[in-house]
Amino acid sequence: MISTVIFSFRIFDAFSLLLVFIILYVSRYYYHYFTRPNPLPGPFPTSCRETNIQFEGAIGYKLQRLATFEWINELWNEVETYWNSLEEDYKLDLIEWMNRFTNEIILRISTCYFSL
């Protein structure tokens, strides 16, 4: 009896059965997605207020990044003019200088101290 049922399936029947299982699985997934206890914003559009906050955050980040690059260029130019004003036989400790330069950049970026 079982063997006759198994051998009576054709390729088209197997694909139809697979398609039904996929549709049932996707339907179950979206049913559980929409009826979950704590809905969070997912792949669907958020409200206009949240969209504006995300947009302002992205713009603020770009402005901060541009301000960081401008400030680093200004700092580098200031140091370069200082180096040009030094005497020829002055010994400069580049390791100590790079350590201080990097620390100043990290401090400025981590405290978000920018004049935009």
N, C-alpha and C. Protein backbone atom coordinates (compact mmCIF):
# COMPACT_ATOMS: atom_id res chain seq x y z
N MET A 1 0.82 -1.20 0.00
CA MET A 1 0.00 0.00 0.00
C MET A 1 0.87 1.26 0.00
N ILE A 2 1.83 1.30 0.91
CA ILE A 2 2.69 2.49 1.00
C ILE A 2 3.57 2.58 -0.24
N SER A 3 4.04 1.45 -0.72
CA SER A 3 4.90 1.48 -1.90
C SER A 3 4.15 1.97 -3.13
N THR A 4 2.88 1.64 -3.22
CA THR A 4 2.11 2.13 -4.37
C THR A 4 1.90 3.63 -4.30
N VAL A 5 1.76 4.16 -3.08
CA VAL A 5 1.61 5.61 -2.92
C VAL A 5 2.92 6.32 -3.27
N ILE A 6 4.04 5.77 -2.82
CA ILE A 6 5.35 6.39 -3.09
C ILE A 6 5.66 6.35 -4.58
N PHE A 7 5.39 5.21 -5.24
CA PHE A 7 5.71 5.11 -6.66
C PHE A 7 4.72 5.85 -7.54
N SER A 8 3.58 6.21 -7.01
CA SER A 8 2.61 6.94 -7.83
C SER A 8 2.94 8.43 -7.93
N PHE A 9 3.87 8.93 -7.08
CA PHE A 9 4.29 10.33 -7.17
C PHE A 9 5.11 10.57 -8.42
N ARG A 10 4.86 11.68 -9.03
CA ARG A 10 5.64 12.07 -10.20
C ARG A 10 6.52 13.26 -9.79
N ILE A 11 7.39 13.67 -10.68
CA ILE A 11 8.29 14.80 -10.42
C ILE A 11 7.47 16.07 -10.17
N PHE A 12 6.45 16.28 -10.97
CA PHE A 12 5.62 17.46 -10.81
C PHE A 12 4.92 17.47 -9.46
N ASP A 13 4.50 16.31 -8.98
CA ASP A 13 3.86 16.21 -7.66
C ASP A 13 4.85 16.55 -6.55
N ALA A 14 6.09 16.13 -6.70
CA ALA A 14 7.10 16.43 -5.69
C ALA A 14 7.38 17.93 -5.64
N PHE A 15 7.49 18.58 -6.79
CA PHE A 15 7.72 20.03 -6.81
C PHE A 15 6.51 20.78 -6.25
N SER A 16 5.31 20.29 -6.55
CA SER A 16 4.11 20.93 -6.00
C SER A 16 4.09 20.81 -4.48
N LEU A 17 4.45 19.65 -3.98
CA LEU A 17 4.49 19.44 -2.53
C LEU A 17 5.55 20.33 -1.89
N LEU A 18 6.71 20.45 -2.52
CA LEU A 18 7.76 21.33 -2.01
C LEU A 18 7.31 22.79 -2.01
N LEU A 19 6.63 23.21 -3.06
CA LEU A 19 6.13 24.58 -3.14
C LEU A 19 5.10 24.86 -2.04
N VAL A 20 4.25 23.89 -1.75
CA VAL A 20 3.27 24.06 -0.67
C VAL A 20 3.97 24.19 0.67
N PHE A 21 5.00 23.39 0.91
CA PHE A 21 5.75 23.48 2.17
C PHE A 21 6.45 24.84 2.31
N ILE A 22 7.00 25.34 1.23
CA ILE A 22 7.68 26.65 1.27
C ILE A 22 6.66 27.75 1.56
N ILE A 23 5.52 27.71 0.92
CA ILE A 23 4.49 28.72 1.16
C ILE A 23 4.00 28.66 2.60
N LEU A 24 3.81 27.45 3.13
CA LEU A 24 3.39 27.31 4.53
C LEU A 24 4.46 27.84 5.49
N TYR A 25 5.73 27.56 5.19
CA TYR A 25 6.82 28.03 6.06
C TYR A 25 6.90 29.55 6.07
N VAL A 26 6.82 30.17 4.89
CA VAL A 26 6.90 31.63 4.80
C VAL A 26 5.68 32.27 5.47
N SER A 27 4.52 31.68 5.27
CA SER A 27 3.31 32.21 5.92
C SER A 27 3.43 32.12 7.43
N ARG A 28 3.92 31.00 7.93
CA ARG A 28 4.11 30.84 9.38
C ARG A 28 5.11 31.86 9.92
N TYR A 29 6.20 32.08 9.17
CA TYR A 29 7.21 33.04 9.60
C TYR A 29 6.61 34.45 9.73
N TYR A 30 5.89 34.90 8.70
CA TYR A 30 5.33 36.24 8.76
C TYR A 30 4.20 36.35 9.76
N TYR A 31 3.46 35.28 9.99
CA TYR A 31 2.44 35.31 11.03
C TYR A 31 3.08 35.52 12.40
N HIS A 32 4.14 34.78 12.69
CA HIS A 32 4.84 34.96 13.96
C HIS A 32 5.55 36.31 14.04
N TYR A 33 5.99 36.81 12.89
CA TYR A 33 6.67 38.11 12.87
C TYR A 33 5.69 39.23 13.23
N PHE A 34 4.51 39.22 12.66
CA PHE A 34 3.55 40.28 12.91
C PHE A 34 2.83 40.14 14.25
N THR A 35 2.82 38.96 14.83
CA THR A 35 2.12 38.76 16.11
C THR A 35 3.09 38.55 17.26
N ARG A 36 4.32 38.96 17.13
CA ARG A 36 5.29 38.79 18.22
C ARG A 36 4.93 39.72 19.38
N PRO A 37 5.36 39.38 20.62
CA PRO A 37 4.94 40.15 21.80
C PRO A 37 5.54 41.54 21.88
N ASN A 38 6.76 41.74 21.40
CA ASN A 38 7.43 43.04 21.50
C ASN A 38 7.89 43.45 20.11
N PRO A 39 7.01 44.07 19.33
CA PRO A 39 7.42 44.41 17.97
C PRO A 39 8.44 45.55 17.95
N LEU A 40 9.51 45.31 17.25
CA LEU A 40 10.54 46.31 17.04
C LEU A 40 10.52 46.73 15.59
N PRO A 41 11.01 47.93 15.28
CA PRO A 41 11.04 48.32 13.87
C PRO A 41 11.97 47.39 13.11
N GLY A 42 11.48 46.80 12.08
CA GLY A 42 12.27 45.83 11.34
C GLY A 42 12.54 46.30 9.93
N PRO A 43 12.37 45.42 8.98
CA PRO A 43 12.69 45.78 7.61
C PRO A 43 11.65 46.67 6.95
N PHE A 44 10.62 47.06 7.71
CA PHE A 44 9.56 47.89 7.16
C PHE A 44 9.81 49.35 7.51
N PRO A 45 9.27 50.30 6.77
CA PRO A 45 9.51 51.72 7.03
C PRO A 45 9.08 52.13 8.44
N THR A 46 9.87 53.03 9.02
CA THR A 46 9.56 53.55 10.35
C THR A 46 8.76 54.83 10.22
N SER A 47 8.38 55.40 11.34
CA SER A 47 7.59 56.62 11.31
C SER A 47 8.43 57.79 10.81
N CYS A 48 7.73 58.91 10.45
CA CYS A 48 8.47 60.08 9.90
C CYS A 48 9.42 60.67 10.92
N ARG A 49 9.10 60.63 12.24
CA ARG A 49 9.96 61.20 13.28
C ARG A 49 11.26 60.41 13.39
N GLU A 50 11.16 59.07 13.40
CA GLU A 50 12.36 58.24 13.51
C GLU A 50 13.24 58.39 12.27
N THR A 51 12.63 58.55 11.11
CA THR A 51 13.39 58.73 9.89
C THR A 51 14.19 60.04 9.96
N ASN A 52 13.57 61.10 10.46
CA ASN A 52 14.27 62.38 10.58
C ASN A 52 15.42 62.27 11.56
N ILE A 53 15.23 61.57 12.67
CA ILE A 53 16.31 61.42 13.66
C ILE A 53 17.47 60.66 13.04
N GLN A 54 17.19 59.60 12.29
CA GLN A 54 18.25 58.85 11.63
C GLN A 54 18.97 59.71 10.60
N PHE A 55 18.22 60.51 9.85
CA PHE A 55 18.82 61.38 8.84
C PHE A 55 19.71 62.43 9.49
N GLU A 56 19.23 63.05 10.58
CA GLU A 56 20.03 64.06 11.27
C GLU A 56 21.29 63.45 11.86
N GLY A 57 21.19 62.22 12.37
CA GLY A 57 22.37 61.54 12.90
C GLY A 57 23.41 61.28 11.82
N ALA A 58 22.95 60.89 10.64
CA ALA A 58 23.88 60.63 9.55
C ALA A 58 24.55 61.91 9.09
N ILE A 59 23.80 62.99 9.00
CA ILE A 59 24.37 64.27 8.59
C ILE A 59 25.35 64.78 9.65
N GLY A 60 24.96 64.65 10.92
CA GLY A 60 25.85 65.09 12.01
C GLY A 60 27.15 64.33 12.01
N TYR A 61 27.10 63.03 11.71
CA TYR A 61 28.31 62.23 11.67
C TYR A 61 29.22 62.69 10.54
N LYS A 62 28.63 62.98 9.37
CA LYS A 62 29.44 63.45 8.25
C LYS A 62 30.08 64.79 8.56
N LEU A 63 29.33 65.70 9.20
CA LEU A 63 29.90 67.00 9.56
C LEU A 63 31.01 66.84 10.58
N GLN A 64 30.83 65.93 11.53
CA GLN A 64 31.88 65.71 12.53
C GLN A 64 33.13 65.13 11.88
N ARG A 65 32.93 64.21 10.94
CA ARG A 65 34.08 63.62 10.25
C ARG A 65 34.83 64.67 9.44
N LEU A 66 34.08 65.54 8.75
CA LEU A 66 34.73 66.61 7.98
C LEU A 66 35.46 67.57 8.90
N ALA A 67 34.85 67.89 10.05
CA ALA A 67 35.50 68.78 11.00
C ALA A 67 36.77 68.14 11.57
N THR A 68 36.75 66.83 11.75
CA THR A 68 37.94 66.13 12.25
C THR A 68 39.07 66.24 11.25
N PHE A 69 38.78 66.00 9.97
CA PHE A 69 39.84 66.08 8.96
C PHE A 69 40.38 67.50 8.84
N GLU A 70 39.49 68.49 8.89
CA GLU A 70 39.94 69.88 8.81
C GLU A 70 40.82 70.22 10.02
N TRP A 71 40.42 69.77 11.19
CA TRP A 71 41.18 70.07 12.39
C TRP A 71 42.56 69.40 12.35
N ILE A 72 42.61 68.14 11.89
CA ILE A 72 43.90 67.44 11.79
C ILE A 72 44.81 68.15 10.80
N ASN A 73 44.26 68.63 9.68
CA ASN A 73 45.07 69.38 8.71
C ASN A 73 45.59 70.68 9.31
N GLU A 74 44.74 71.39 10.06
CA GLU A 74 45.19 72.62 10.72
C GLU A 74 46.30 72.33 11.72
N LEU A 75 46.11 71.26 12.51
CA LEU A 75 47.13 70.89 13.50
C LEU A 75 48.44 70.52 12.83
N TRP A 76 48.36 69.78 11.74
CA TRP A 76 49.57 69.38 11.02
C TRP A 76 50.28 70.62 10.44
N ASN A 77 49.53 71.54 9.87
CA ASN A 77 50.14 72.76 9.33
C ASN A 77 50.80 73.58 10.43
N GLU A 78 50.17 73.64 11.60
CA GLU A 78 50.76 74.36 12.73
C GLU A 78 52.08 73.73 13.16
N VAL A 79 52.12 72.42 13.23
CA VAL A 79 53.34 71.72 13.63
C VAL A 79 54.41 71.88 12.56
N GLU A 80 54.01 71.86 11.31
CA GLU A 80 54.97 72.00 10.22
C GLU A 80 55.62 73.39 10.24
N THR A 81 54.85 74.43 10.52
CA THR A 81 55.45 75.77 10.62
C THR A 81 56.38 75.85 11.83
N TYR A 82 56.03 75.14 12.90
CA TYR A 82 56.91 75.12 14.07
C TYR A 82 58.22 74.42 13.74
N TRP A 83 58.14 73.31 13.00
CA TRP A 83 59.36 72.60 12.63
C TRP A 83 60.24 73.45 11.71
N ASN A 84 59.61 74.21 10.83
CA ASN A 84 60.39 75.06 9.93
C ASN A 84 61.10 76.18 10.68
N SER A 85 60.55 76.59 11.81
CA SER A 85 61.18 77.66 12.57
C SER A 85 62.31 77.16 13.47
N LEU A 86 62.48 75.85 13.59
CA LEU A 86 63.55 75.31 14.44
C LEU A 86 64.90 75.48 13.76
N GLU A 87 65.93 75.44 14.57
CA GLU A 87 67.28 75.55 14.03
C GLU A 87 67.67 74.23 13.35
N GLU A 88 68.72 74.30 12.55
CA GLU A 88 69.15 73.12 11.80
C GLU A 88 69.68 72.01 12.69
N ASP A 89 70.36 72.34 13.77
CA ASP A 89 70.99 71.31 14.61
C ASP A 89 70.10 70.88 15.78
N TYR A 90 68.82 71.24 15.75
CA TYR A 90 67.91 70.86 16.84
C TYR A 90 67.51 69.40 16.67
N LYS A 91 67.60 68.63 17.77
CA LYS A 91 67.20 67.21 17.73
C LYS A 91 65.73 67.11 18.08
N LEU A 92 65.00 66.45 17.24
CA LEU A 92 63.57 66.29 17.42
C LEU A 92 63.26 64.82 17.68
N ASP A 93 62.57 64.54 18.77
CA ASP A 93 62.19 63.18 19.12
C ASP A 93 60.83 62.88 18.47
N LEU A 94 60.87 62.24 17.30
CA LEU A 94 59.63 61.99 16.55
C LEU A 94 58.71 60.99 17.24
N ILE A 95 59.27 60.06 17.97
CA ILE A 95 58.43 59.08 18.67
C ILE A 95 57.59 59.77 19.74
N GLU A 96 58.21 60.62 20.51
CA GLU A 96 57.49 61.37 21.54
C GLU A 96 56.48 62.34 20.91
N TRP A 97 56.90 62.97 19.81
CA TRP A 97 56.01 63.90 19.15
C TRP A 97 54.78 63.20 18.59
N MET A 98 54.96 62.04 17.92
CA MET A 98 53.81 61.30 17.37
C MET A 98 52.89 60.80 18.48
N ASN A 99 53.46 60.43 19.61
CA ASN A 99 52.64 60.00 20.74
C ASN A 99 51.74 61.15 21.21
N ARG A 100 52.30 62.33 21.35
CA ARG A 100 51.51 63.48 21.78
C ARG A 100 50.49 63.90 20.73
N PHE A 101 50.89 63.87 19.47
CA PHE A 101 49.99 64.23 18.37
C PHE A 101 48.79 63.28 18.33
N THR A 102 49.06 62.00 18.44
CA THR A 102 47.98 61.00 18.42
C THR A 102 47.08 61.15 19.64
N ASN A 103 47.65 61.37 20.80
CA ASN A 103 46.84 61.55 22.01
C ASN A 103 45.93 62.77 21.89
N GLU A 104 46.42 63.83 21.31
CA GLU A 104 45.60 65.03 21.16
C GLU A 104 44.44 64.78 20.19
N ILE A 105 44.70 64.05 19.13
CA ILE A 105 43.64 63.72 18.18
C ILE A 105 42.59 62.82 18.83
N ILE A 106 43.03 61.81 19.56
CA ILE A 106 42.10 60.89 20.21
C ILE A 106 41.26 61.63 21.25
N LEU A 107 41.88 62.51 22.01
CA LEU A 107 41.14 63.26 23.02
C LEU A 107 40.08 64.15 22.37
N ARG A 108 40.43 64.81 21.30
CA ARG A 108 39.49 65.70 20.62
C ARG A 108 38.34 64.91 20.01
N ILE A 109 38.63 63.77 19.41
CA ILE A 109 37.57 62.98 18.77
C ILE A 109 36.68 62.32 19.81
N SER A 110 37.25 61.79 20.88
CA SER A 110 36.45 61.07 21.87
C SER A 110 35.56 62.01 22.69
N THR A 111 35.95 63.25 22.88
CA THR A 111 35.11 64.19 23.63
C THR A 111 34.17 64.98 22.73
N CYS A 112 34.25 64.73 21.41
CA CYS A 112 33.40 65.42 20.44
C CYS A 112 33.52 66.94 20.58
N TYR A 113 34.72 67.42 20.80
CA TYR A 113 34.95 68.85 20.95
C TYR A 113 35.27 69.42 19.57
N PHE A 114 34.22 69.84 18.87
CA PHE A 114 34.38 70.41 17.55
C PHE A 114 33.59 71.70 17.47
N SER A 115 34.12 72.63 16.73
CA SER A 115 33.38 73.85 16.47
C SER A 115 32.84 73.76 15.05
N LEU A 116 31.59 73.34 14.93
CA LEU A 116 31.00 73.16 13.60
C LEU A 116 30.40 74.45 13.12
